[in-house]
Amino acid sequence: MNSSNNLKQILIWVLFVVSQILFAQNFVLYNRAFCFVYVGFLLLLPLGISRNNILLLGFFTGFIIDIFYNSLGTHMAAMTLIAFIRPIWLNAITPRGGYENVDSPSIKDLSLSWFLAYALPLLIIHLSVVFFIEAGGFHMFFYVISKVLMSTLLTVLVLVILQYLFYSKGRFS
C-alpha cells in the first residue's frame, strides 16, 4: 500500500469509529437491535492486507470502542476474533476465478449477494461474542440469540446503505 492508500484507510477508520461513538451507539431498536457500524471498517479493508496488520487493526479498533463503551475488552476480543477469521472466510468463499481486479470486499467490487454471504457470518460471530460476554454466560441463550440476529440485520442494513452512499463506482479511485 502506498501512503495515499494508508491515509485513506486512516480517514475511513476515523469515520467508522467516530460514527459508532457519536451516532450508532445510540441507535437501538426495541432494546433488541443494536448497530455496530465500526465492524464495517474491518470487513471493508483491502484484500491484500497482511494477517498481522489486520489482527493489530482489529485489536486496536476494539480497544478504542471498549474505552468509549466502558466494556473491559468485550469489543476488543470480538474484533480480534473477526480479524483472525476474516482471511480464512475470504479463502473459503473465493470465486472460481479468484479476486481479479478487486481492491476490497465491497458491494461495488463484487456484488450485494457476495457481500451478504461474506459479512453476515462474520457479523453473527462478532455479535455473538459481544452479547454472550455481556450476558456473562449462556443462561439467557434465546434472548441473546434474538439480540444477535436483530443486531446483525440492523448492522448489515446500515453497512449496505453506507456502501451505496459512499462507495459507489467512481468514488475513492
N, C-alpha and C. Protein backbone atom coordinates (compact mmCIF):
# COMPACT_ATOMS: atom_id res chain seq x y z
N MET A 1 0.84 -1.18 0.00
CA MET A 1 0.00 0.00 0.00
C MET A 1 0.88 1.24 0.00
N ASN A 2 0.47 2.21 -0.75
CA ASN A 2 1.23 3.45 -0.75
C ASN A 2 0.68 4.40 0.30
N SER A 3 1.33 5.55 0.46
CA SER A 3 0.96 6.46 1.55
C SER A 3 -0.43 7.07 1.35
N SER A 4 -0.85 7.29 0.11
CA SER A 4 -2.20 7.84 -0.09
C SER A 4 -3.27 6.82 0.30
N ASN A 5 -3.03 5.53 0.02
CA ASN A 5 -3.96 4.49 0.45
C ASN A 5 -3.97 4.36 1.97
N ASN A 6 -2.80 4.47 2.59
CA ASN A 6 -2.73 4.42 4.05
C ASN A 6 -3.49 5.58 4.68
N LEU A 7 -3.32 6.76 4.12
CA LEU A 7 -4.02 7.94 4.62
C LEU A 7 -5.53 7.79 4.44
N LYS A 8 -5.94 7.23 3.31
CA LYS A 8 -7.36 6.99 3.07
C LYS A 8 -7.92 6.00 4.08
N GLN A 9 -7.18 4.92 4.36
CA GLN A 9 -7.64 3.93 5.33
C GLN A 9 -7.71 4.51 6.74
N ILE A 10 -6.78 5.36 7.10
CA ILE A 10 -6.83 6.02 8.41
C ILE A 10 -8.06 6.91 8.50
N LEU A 11 -8.35 7.65 7.46
CA LEU A 11 -9.53 8.52 7.44
C LEU A 11 -10.82 7.69 7.54
N ILE A 12 -10.87 6.59 6.82
CA ILE A 12 -12.05 5.71 6.87
C ILE A 12 -12.19 5.12 8.27
N TRP A 13 -11.06 4.72 8.89
CA TRP A 13 -11.11 4.19 10.25
C TRP A 13 -11.67 5.24 11.22
N VAL A 14 -11.17 6.46 11.12
CA VAL A 14 -11.66 7.54 11.99
C VAL A 14 -13.16 7.76 11.79
N LEU A 15 -13.61 7.75 10.55
CA LEU A 15 -15.04 7.95 10.27
C LEU A 15 -15.89 6.83 10.85
N PHE A 16 -15.47 5.59 10.70
CA PHE A 16 -16.23 4.47 11.25
C PHE A 16 -16.28 4.53 12.78
N VAL A 17 -15.14 4.77 13.41
CA VAL A 17 -15.09 4.78 14.88
C VAL A 17 -15.87 5.98 15.43
N VAL A 18 -15.69 7.14 14.85
CA VAL A 18 -16.41 8.33 15.33
C VAL A 18 -17.91 8.18 15.10
N SER A 19 -18.31 7.63 13.97
CA SER A 19 -19.75 7.44 13.73
C SER A 19 -20.33 6.42 14.70
N GLN A 20 -19.55 5.41 15.09
CA GLN A 20 -20.02 4.45 16.10
C GLN A 20 -20.20 5.13 17.45
N ILE A 21 -19.22 5.91 17.83
CA ILE A 21 -19.23 6.53 19.15
C ILE A 21 -20.30 7.62 19.25
N LEU A 22 -20.44 8.43 18.21
CA LEU A 22 -21.37 9.56 18.28
C LEU A 22 -22.80 9.22 17.88
N PHE A 23 -22.96 8.32 16.92
CA PHE A 23 -24.31 8.08 16.39
C PHE A 23 -24.82 6.67 16.63
N ALA A 24 -24.07 5.68 16.18
CA ALA A 24 -24.57 4.30 16.21
C ALA A 24 -24.72 3.76 17.63
N GLN A 25 -23.95 4.28 18.57
CA GLN A 25 -24.05 3.82 19.94
C GLN A 25 -25.47 4.04 20.49
N ASN A 26 -26.12 5.07 20.03
CA ASN A 26 -27.47 5.39 20.49
C ASN A 26 -28.56 4.91 19.55
N PHE A 27 -28.19 4.20 18.49
CA PHE A 27 -29.15 3.70 17.51
C PHE A 27 -29.57 2.29 17.92
N VAL A 28 -30.61 2.20 18.73
CA VAL A 28 -31.10 0.93 19.27
C VAL A 28 -32.58 0.83 18.96
N LEU A 29 -32.99 -0.33 18.45
CA LEU A 29 -34.40 -0.56 18.15
C LEU A 29 -34.98 -1.57 19.12
N TYR A 30 -35.95 -1.15 19.91
CA TYR A 30 -36.71 -2.02 20.82
C TYR A 30 -35.82 -2.80 21.79
N ASN A 31 -34.70 -2.22 22.15
CA ASN A 31 -33.75 -2.84 23.08
C ASN A 31 -33.31 -4.24 22.63
N ARG A 32 -33.42 -4.52 21.35
CA ARG A 32 -33.00 -5.82 20.78
C ARG A 32 -32.00 -5.65 19.64
N ALA A 33 -32.14 -4.61 18.85
CA ALA A 33 -31.28 -4.43 17.68
C ALA A 33 -30.33 -3.26 17.93
N PHE A 34 -29.06 -3.56 17.98
CA PHE A 34 -28.03 -2.57 18.21
C PHE A 34 -27.19 -2.45 16.94
N CYS A 35 -26.76 -1.26 16.63
CA CYS A 35 -25.98 -1.03 15.42
C CYS A 35 -24.49 -0.95 15.77
N PHE A 36 -23.71 -1.83 15.17
CA PHE A 36 -22.26 -1.85 15.38
C PHE A 36 -21.57 -1.57 14.04
N VAL A 37 -21.65 -0.34 13.61
CA VAL A 37 -21.15 0.05 12.30
C VAL A 37 -19.62 -0.01 12.23
N TYR A 38 -18.94 0.09 13.37
CA TYR A 38 -17.48 0.09 13.35
C TYR A 38 -16.90 -1.21 12.81
N VAL A 39 -17.63 -2.31 12.87
CA VAL A 39 -17.17 -3.59 12.32
C VAL A 39 -16.98 -3.48 10.81
N GLY A 40 -17.72 -2.57 10.19
CA GLY A 40 -17.61 -2.36 8.75
C GLY A 40 -16.21 -1.99 8.31
N PHE A 41 -15.47 -1.29 9.17
CA PHE A 41 -14.09 -0.94 8.82
C PHE A 41 -13.27 -2.19 8.56
N LEU A 42 -13.37 -3.15 9.47
CA LEU A 42 -12.60 -4.38 9.33
C LEU A 42 -13.08 -5.21 8.14
N LEU A 43 -14.40 -5.23 7.94
CA LEU A 43 -14.95 -6.00 6.82
C LEU A 43 -14.55 -5.43 5.47
N LEU A 44 -14.38 -4.12 5.38
CA LEU A 44 -14.11 -3.47 4.10
C LEU A 44 -12.64 -3.17 3.85
N LEU A 45 -11.76 -3.68 4.69
CA LEU A 45 -10.33 -3.49 4.45
C LEU A 45 -9.92 -4.17 3.15
N PRO A 46 -8.87 -3.67 2.51
CA PRO A 46 -8.42 -4.28 1.25
C PRO A 46 -8.08 -5.76 1.41
N LEU A 47 -8.24 -6.49 0.33
CA LEU A 47 -7.99 -7.93 0.35
C LEU A 47 -6.52 -8.27 0.55
N GLY A 48 -5.63 -7.41 0.12
CA GLY A 48 -4.20 -7.70 0.18
C GLY A 48 -3.54 -7.38 1.51
N ILE A 49 -4.28 -6.97 2.51
CA ILE A 49 -3.68 -6.60 3.78
C ILE A 49 -3.13 -7.84 4.49
N SER A 50 -2.00 -7.68 5.15
CA SER A 50 -1.38 -8.83 5.80
C SER A 50 -2.17 -9.26 7.03
N ARG A 51 -2.03 -10.53 7.38
CA ARG A 51 -2.74 -11.09 8.54
C ARG A 51 -2.35 -10.39 9.83
N ASN A 52 -1.06 -10.07 9.99
CA ASN A 52 -0.60 -9.37 11.20
C ASN A 52 -1.21 -7.98 11.30
N ASN A 53 -1.25 -7.27 10.19
CA ASN A 53 -1.82 -5.91 10.21
C ASN A 53 -3.30 -5.93 10.53
N ILE A 54 -4.03 -6.88 9.97
CA ILE A 54 -5.47 -6.91 10.24
C ILE A 54 -5.74 -7.30 11.69
N LEU A 55 -4.91 -8.17 12.26
CA LEU A 55 -5.06 -8.51 13.68
C LEU A 55 -4.79 -7.30 14.56
N LEU A 56 -3.75 -6.53 14.24
CA LEU A 56 -3.46 -5.32 15.01
C LEU A 56 -4.58 -4.29 14.87
N LEU A 57 -5.09 -4.12 13.65
CA LEU A 57 -6.18 -3.16 13.44
C LEU A 57 -7.45 -3.58 14.18
N GLY A 58 -7.75 -4.87 14.15
CA GLY A 58 -8.93 -5.36 14.88
C GLY A 58 -8.78 -5.17 16.38
N PHE A 59 -7.60 -5.50 16.91
CA PHE A 59 -7.34 -5.33 18.33
C PHE A 59 -7.45 -3.86 18.73
N PHE A 60 -6.80 -2.99 17.98
CA PHE A 60 -6.79 -1.56 18.31
C PHE A 60 -8.18 -0.94 18.18
N THR A 61 -8.91 -1.30 17.13
CA THR A 61 -10.26 -0.77 16.95
C THR A 61 -11.17 -1.20 18.09
N GLY A 62 -11.12 -2.47 18.45
CA GLY A 62 -11.90 -2.96 19.57
C GLY A 62 -11.53 -2.29 20.87
N PHE A 63 -10.23 -2.03 21.07
CA PHE A 63 -9.75 -1.36 22.26
C PHE A 63 -10.32 0.06 22.37
N ILE A 64 -10.31 0.78 21.27
CA ILE A 64 -10.85 2.16 21.26
C ILE A 64 -12.35 2.13 21.55
N ILE A 65 -13.08 1.21 20.94
CA ILE A 65 -14.52 1.11 21.20
C ILE A 65 -14.77 0.75 22.66
N ASP A 66 -13.98 -0.16 23.21
CA ASP A 66 -14.13 -0.53 24.62
C ASP A 66 -13.92 0.66 25.56
N ILE A 67 -13.01 1.53 25.21
CA ILE A 67 -12.78 2.72 26.03
C ILE A 67 -14.05 3.56 26.11
N PHE A 68 -14.70 3.76 24.97
CA PHE A 68 -15.89 4.62 24.95
C PHE A 68 -17.14 3.90 25.43
N TYR A 69 -17.19 2.58 25.32
CA TYR A 69 -18.34 1.81 25.79
C TYR A 69 -18.16 1.35 27.24
N ASN A 70 -16.93 1.51 27.77
CA ASN A 70 -16.60 1.07 29.12
C ASN A 70 -16.92 -0.42 29.28
N SER A 71 -16.45 -1.23 28.34
CA SER A 71 -16.85 -2.63 28.30
C SER A 71 -15.72 -3.63 28.56
N LEU A 72 -14.57 -3.16 29.02
CA LEU A 72 -13.50 -4.03 29.53
C LEU A 72 -13.06 -5.16 28.60
N GLY A 73 -12.85 -4.88 27.34
CA GLY A 73 -12.27 -5.86 26.42
C GLY A 73 -13.23 -6.68 25.60
N THR A 74 -14.52 -6.45 25.76
CA THR A 74 -15.51 -7.23 25.01
C THR A 74 -15.37 -7.01 23.51
N HIS A 75 -15.36 -5.76 23.09
CA HIS A 75 -15.26 -5.45 21.66
C HIS A 75 -13.86 -5.78 21.12
N MET A 76 -12.86 -5.64 21.97
CA MET A 76 -11.50 -5.98 21.56
C MET A 76 -11.40 -7.48 21.26
N ALA A 77 -11.98 -8.30 22.10
CA ALA A 77 -11.96 -9.75 21.87
C ALA A 77 -12.72 -10.11 20.61
N ALA A 78 -13.90 -9.52 20.43
CA ALA A 78 -14.72 -9.83 19.26
C ALA A 78 -14.04 -9.36 17.97
N MET A 79 -13.47 -8.17 17.97
CA MET A 79 -12.81 -7.67 16.76
C MET A 79 -11.55 -8.47 16.44
N THR A 80 -10.81 -8.88 17.46
CA THR A 80 -9.61 -9.68 17.22
C THR A 80 -10.00 -11.04 16.64
N LEU A 81 -11.06 -11.62 17.13
CA LEU A 81 -11.55 -12.89 16.59
C LEU A 81 -11.97 -12.73 15.13
N ILE A 82 -12.70 -11.68 14.82
CA ILE A 82 -13.13 -11.43 13.43
C ILE A 82 -11.92 -11.18 12.53
N ALA A 83 -10.93 -10.45 13.05
CA ALA A 83 -9.71 -10.21 12.27
C ALA A 83 -8.97 -11.52 11.99
N PHE A 84 -9.04 -12.46 12.93
CA PHE A 84 -8.41 -13.77 12.73
C PHE A 84 -9.18 -14.62 11.72
N ILE A 85 -10.51 -14.58 11.80
CA ILE A 85 -11.36 -15.43 10.96
C ILE A 85 -11.49 -14.87 9.53
N ARG A 86 -11.41 -13.56 9.36
CA ARG A 86 -11.66 -12.92 8.05
C ARG A 86 -10.85 -13.53 6.91
N PRO A 87 -9.53 -13.66 7.01
CA PRO A 87 -8.79 -14.25 5.88
C PRO A 87 -9.20 -15.70 5.58
N ILE A 88 -9.51 -16.45 6.61
CA ILE A 88 -9.94 -17.84 6.42
C ILE A 88 -11.27 -17.86 5.68
N TRP A 89 -12.20 -17.00 6.09
CA TRP A 89 -13.52 -16.93 5.46
C TRP A 89 -13.40 -16.43 4.02
N LEU A 90 -12.55 -15.45 3.78
CA LEU A 90 -12.34 -14.96 2.42
C LEU A 90 -11.81 -16.07 1.51
N ASN A 91 -10.88 -16.88 2.02
CA ASN A 91 -10.38 -18.00 1.22
C ASN A 91 -11.47 -19.03 0.95
N ALA A 92 -12.35 -19.23 1.94
CA ALA A 92 -13.41 -20.22 1.79
C ALA A 92 -14.45 -19.82 0.75
N ILE A 93 -14.68 -18.53 0.59
CA ILE A 93 -15.72 -18.08 -0.35
C ILE A 93 -15.14 -17.42 -1.60
N THR A 94 -13.89 -17.70 -1.89
CA THR A 94 -13.25 -17.14 -3.07
C THR A 94 -13.96 -17.62 -4.33
N PRO A 95 -14.31 -16.70 -5.24
CA PRO A 95 -14.92 -17.12 -6.51
C PRO A 95 -13.95 -17.98 -7.32
N ARG A 96 -14.48 -18.69 -8.30
CA ARG A 96 -13.66 -19.60 -9.12
C ARG A 96 -12.45 -18.91 -9.74
N GLY A 97 -12.62 -17.73 -10.26
CA GLY A 97 -11.53 -17.03 -10.92
C GLY A 97 -10.65 -16.26 -9.97
N GLY A 98 -10.91 -16.34 -8.69
CA GLY A 98 -10.15 -15.56 -7.71
C GLY A 98 -10.69 -14.14 -7.63
N TYR A 99 -9.93 -13.31 -6.99
CA TYR A 99 -10.33 -11.91 -6.83
C TYR A 99 -9.53 -11.04 -7.79
N GLU A 100 -9.79 -11.18 -9.09
CA GLU A 100 -9.09 -10.39 -10.09
C GLU A 100 -9.65 -8.98 -10.13
N ASN A 101 -8.76 -8.00 -10.14
CA ASN A 101 -9.13 -6.59 -10.22
C ASN A 101 -10.09 -6.17 -9.11
N VAL A 102 -9.94 -6.75 -7.94
CA VAL A 102 -10.80 -6.42 -6.81
C VAL A 102 -9.91 -5.85 -5.71
N ASP A 103 -10.26 -4.65 -5.26
CA ASP A 103 -9.48 -4.00 -4.21
C ASP A 103 -9.93 -4.41 -2.82
N SER A 104 -11.24 -4.37 -2.59
CA SER A 104 -11.77 -4.67 -1.27
C SER A 104 -13.05 -5.48 -1.39
N PRO A 105 -13.43 -6.16 -0.33
CA PRO A 105 -14.66 -6.97 -0.37
C PRO A 105 -15.90 -6.11 -0.17
N SER A 106 -16.16 -5.24 -1.12
CA SER A 106 -17.29 -4.33 -1.02
C SER A 106 -18.31 -4.66 -2.10
N ILE A 107 -19.46 -4.06 -1.98
CA ILE A 107 -20.53 -4.27 -2.95
C ILE A 107 -20.10 -3.78 -4.33
N LYS A 108 -19.40 -2.65 -4.38
CA LYS A 108 -19.03 -2.09 -5.69
C LYS A 108 -18.04 -2.98 -6.43
N ASP A 109 -17.20 -3.71 -5.69
CA ASP A 109 -16.20 -4.55 -6.34
C ASP A 109 -16.69 -5.97 -6.62
N LEU A 110 -17.62 -6.46 -5.84
CA LEU A 110 -18.10 -7.82 -6.04
C LEU A 110 -19.60 -7.79 -6.34
N SER A 111 -20.46 -7.95 -5.37
CA SER A 111 -21.90 -7.82 -5.57
C SER A 111 -22.58 -7.80 -4.21
N LEU A 112 -23.84 -7.44 -4.20
CA LEU A 112 -24.59 -7.42 -2.95
C LEU A 112 -24.71 -8.82 -2.36
N SER A 113 -25.03 -9.80 -3.19
CA SER A 113 -25.19 -11.17 -2.67
C SER A 113 -23.87 -11.71 -2.13
N TRP A 114 -22.76 -11.42 -2.81
CA TRP A 114 -21.47 -11.87 -2.32
C TRP A 114 -21.15 -11.17 -1.00
N PHE A 115 -21.40 -9.87 -0.91
CA PHE A 115 -21.12 -9.13 0.32
C PHE A 115 -21.94 -9.68 1.49
N LEU A 116 -23.20 -10.00 1.24
CA LEU A 116 -24.04 -10.56 2.31
C LEU A 116 -23.53 -11.93 2.76
N ALA A 117 -23.11 -12.76 1.80
CA ALA A 117 -22.56 -14.07 2.15
C ALA A 117 -21.25 -13.94 2.92
N TYR A 118 -20.53 -12.88 2.67
CA TYR A 118 -19.27 -12.61 3.35
C TYR A 118 -19.50 -11.99 4.73
N ALA A 119 -20.35 -10.99 4.80
CA ALA A 119 -20.48 -10.20 6.03
C ALA A 119 -21.38 -10.84 7.08
N LEU A 120 -22.47 -11.46 6.68
CA LEU A 120 -23.43 -11.98 7.67
C LEU A 120 -22.81 -12.99 8.65
N PRO A 121 -22.08 -14.01 8.19
CA PRO A 121 -21.49 -14.94 9.16
C PRO A 121 -20.49 -14.26 10.10
N LEU A 122 -19.68 -13.34 9.57
CA LEU A 122 -18.71 -12.64 10.41
C LEU A 122 -19.40 -11.75 11.44
N LEU A 123 -20.47 -11.09 11.03
CA LEU A 123 -21.22 -10.26 11.97
C LEU A 123 -21.91 -11.11 13.03
N ILE A 124 -22.44 -12.25 12.65
CA ILE A 124 -23.09 -13.14 13.63
C ILE A 124 -22.07 -13.60 14.67
N ILE A 125 -20.88 -13.96 14.23
CA ILE A 125 -19.83 -14.38 15.16
C ILE A 125 -19.45 -13.23 16.07
N HIS A 126 -19.22 -12.06 15.48
CA HIS A 126 -18.82 -10.88 16.26
C HIS A 126 -19.87 -10.54 17.32
N LEU A 127 -21.11 -10.47 16.90
CA LEU A 127 -22.17 -10.07 17.83
C LEU A 127 -22.45 -11.17 18.86
N SER A 128 -22.27 -12.42 18.50
CA SER A 128 -22.42 -13.50 19.48
C SER A 128 -21.39 -13.35 20.59
N VAL A 129 -20.15 -13.09 20.22
CA VAL A 129 -19.10 -12.89 21.22
C VAL A 129 -19.44 -11.70 22.11
N VAL A 130 -19.82 -10.58 21.52
CA VAL A 130 -20.12 -9.38 22.30
C VAL A 130 -21.28 -9.63 23.26
N PHE A 131 -22.39 -10.17 22.77
CA PHE A 131 -23.58 -10.30 23.60
C PHE A 131 -23.47 -11.43 24.62
N PHE A 132 -22.79 -12.53 24.29
CA PHE A 132 -22.64 -13.60 25.28
C PHE A 132 -21.67 -13.19 26.38
N ILE A 133 -20.62 -12.44 26.05
CA ILE A 133 -19.74 -11.91 27.10
C ILE A 133 -20.51 -10.92 27.96
N GLU A 134 -21.28 -10.07 27.31
CA GLU A 134 -22.09 -9.09 28.05
C GLU A 134 -23.09 -9.77 28.98
N ALA A 135 -23.69 -10.88 28.54
CA ALA A 135 -24.66 -11.61 29.35
C ALA A 135 -23.98 -12.40 30.46
N GLY A 136 -22.69 -12.67 30.33
CA GLY A 136 -21.97 -13.40 31.36
C GLY A 136 -22.18 -14.90 31.30
N GLY A 137 -22.58 -15.40 30.16
CA GLY A 137 -22.76 -16.84 30.01
C GLY A 137 -23.93 -17.15 29.10
N PHE A 138 -24.39 -18.39 29.20
CA PHE A 138 -25.45 -18.87 28.31
C PHE A 138 -26.80 -18.98 28.99
N HIS A 139 -26.96 -18.40 30.17
CA HIS A 139 -28.22 -18.55 30.90
C HIS A 139 -29.39 -17.80 30.26
N MET A 140 -29.12 -16.83 29.42
CA MET A 140 -30.18 -16.12 28.69
C MET A 140 -30.02 -16.39 27.20
N PHE A 141 -29.85 -17.63 26.83
CA PHE A 141 -29.46 -18.04 25.49
C PHE A 141 -30.40 -17.48 24.41
N PHE A 142 -31.70 -17.70 24.53
CA PHE A 142 -32.62 -17.30 23.46
C PHE A 142 -32.76 -15.79 23.36
N TYR A 143 -32.69 -15.09 24.48
CA TYR A 143 -32.72 -13.63 24.45
C TYR A 143 -31.48 -13.09 23.73
N VAL A 144 -30.32 -13.67 24.06
CA VAL A 144 -29.07 -13.23 23.43
C VAL A 144 -29.09 -13.55 21.94
N ILE A 145 -29.57 -14.73 21.57
CA ILE A 145 -29.63 -15.08 20.14
C ILE A 145 -30.55 -14.12 19.39
N SER A 146 -31.67 -13.73 20.00
CA SER A 146 -32.55 -12.76 19.33
C SER A 146 -31.85 -11.42 19.17
N LYS A 147 -31.06 -11.00 20.17
CA LYS A 147 -30.29 -9.76 20.05
C LYS A 147 -29.24 -9.87 18.94
N VAL A 148 -28.60 -11.04 18.86
CA VAL A 148 -27.58 -11.26 17.83
C VAL A 148 -28.20 -11.15 16.44
N LEU A 149 -29.30 -11.85 16.22
CA LEU A 149 -29.93 -11.85 14.90
C LEU A 149 -30.47 -10.48 14.51
N MET A 150 -31.15 -9.83 15.44
CA MET A 150 -31.71 -8.50 15.13
C MET A 150 -30.59 -7.47 14.92
N SER A 151 -29.55 -7.53 15.72
CA SER A 151 -28.43 -6.59 15.57
C SER A 151 -27.66 -6.85 14.29
N THR A 152 -27.55 -8.12 13.90
CA THR A 152 -26.89 -8.45 12.64
C THR A 152 -27.65 -7.85 11.47
N LEU A 153 -28.96 -8.02 11.48
CA LEU A 153 -29.77 -7.45 10.39
C LEU A 153 -29.66 -5.94 10.34
N LEU A 154 -29.72 -5.29 11.49
CA LEU A 154 -29.62 -3.82 11.52
C LEU A 154 -28.23 -3.36 11.06
N THR A 155 -27.20 -4.01 11.55
CA THR A 155 -25.84 -3.60 11.20
C THR A 155 -25.57 -3.81 9.71
N VAL A 156 -25.96 -4.96 9.17
CA VAL A 156 -25.71 -5.20 7.75
C VAL A 156 -26.53 -4.25 6.88
N LEU A 157 -27.73 -3.91 7.30
CA LEU A 157 -28.54 -2.94 6.57
C LEU A 157 -27.84 -1.59 6.53
N VAL A 158 -27.32 -1.14 7.66
CA VAL A 158 -26.62 0.14 7.72
C VAL A 158 -25.35 0.09 6.87
N LEU A 159 -24.61 -1.02 6.92
CA LEU A 159 -23.39 -1.14 6.12
C LEU A 159 -23.69 -1.13 4.62
N VAL A 160 -24.76 -1.79 4.22
CA VAL A 160 -25.14 -1.78 2.80
C VAL A 160 -25.54 -0.37 2.36
N ILE A 161 -26.32 0.31 3.17
CA ILE A 161 -26.73 1.68 2.85
C ILE A 161 -25.50 2.59 2.76
N LEU A 162 -24.58 2.46 3.70
CA LEU A 162 -23.35 3.27 3.66
C LEU A 162 -22.54 3.01 2.40
N GLN A 163 -22.48 1.76 1.98
CA GLN A 163 -21.73 1.46 0.76
C GLN A 163 -22.39 2.05 -0.47
N TYR A 164 -23.70 1.99 -0.52
CA TYR A 164 -24.38 2.59 -1.67
C TYR A 164 -24.26 4.11 -1.65
N LEU A 165 -24.15 4.70 -0.48
CA LEU A 165 -24.00 6.15 -0.40
C LEU A 165 -22.57 6.62 -0.69
N PHE A 166 -21.58 5.91 -0.13
CA PHE A 166 -20.22 6.43 -0.16
C PHE A 166 -19.23 5.62 -0.98
N TYR A 167 -19.52 4.37 -1.30
CA TYR A 167 -18.59 3.54 -2.03
C TYR A 167 -19.07 3.27 -3.45
N SER A 168 -19.81 4.19 -4.02
CA SER A 168 -20.33 3.96 -5.37
C SER A 168 -19.19 3.98 -6.37
N LYS A 169 -19.42 3.42 -7.56
CA LYS A 169 -18.40 3.35 -8.58
C LYS A 169 -17.93 4.76 -8.94
N GLY A 170 -16.65 4.89 -9.08
CA GLY A 170 -16.08 6.17 -9.47
C GLY A 170 -15.57 6.98 -8.29
N ARG A 171 -16.07 6.75 -7.10
CA ARG A 171 -15.60 7.48 -5.94
C ARG A 171 -14.41 6.76 -5.37
N PHE A 172 -13.57 7.48 -4.64
CA PHE A 172 -12.39 6.96 -3.96
C PHE A 172 -11.40 6.31 -4.93
N SER A 173 -11.44 6.63 -6.19
CA SER A 173 -10.48 6.00 -7.08
C SER A 173 -9.50 7.00 -7.65
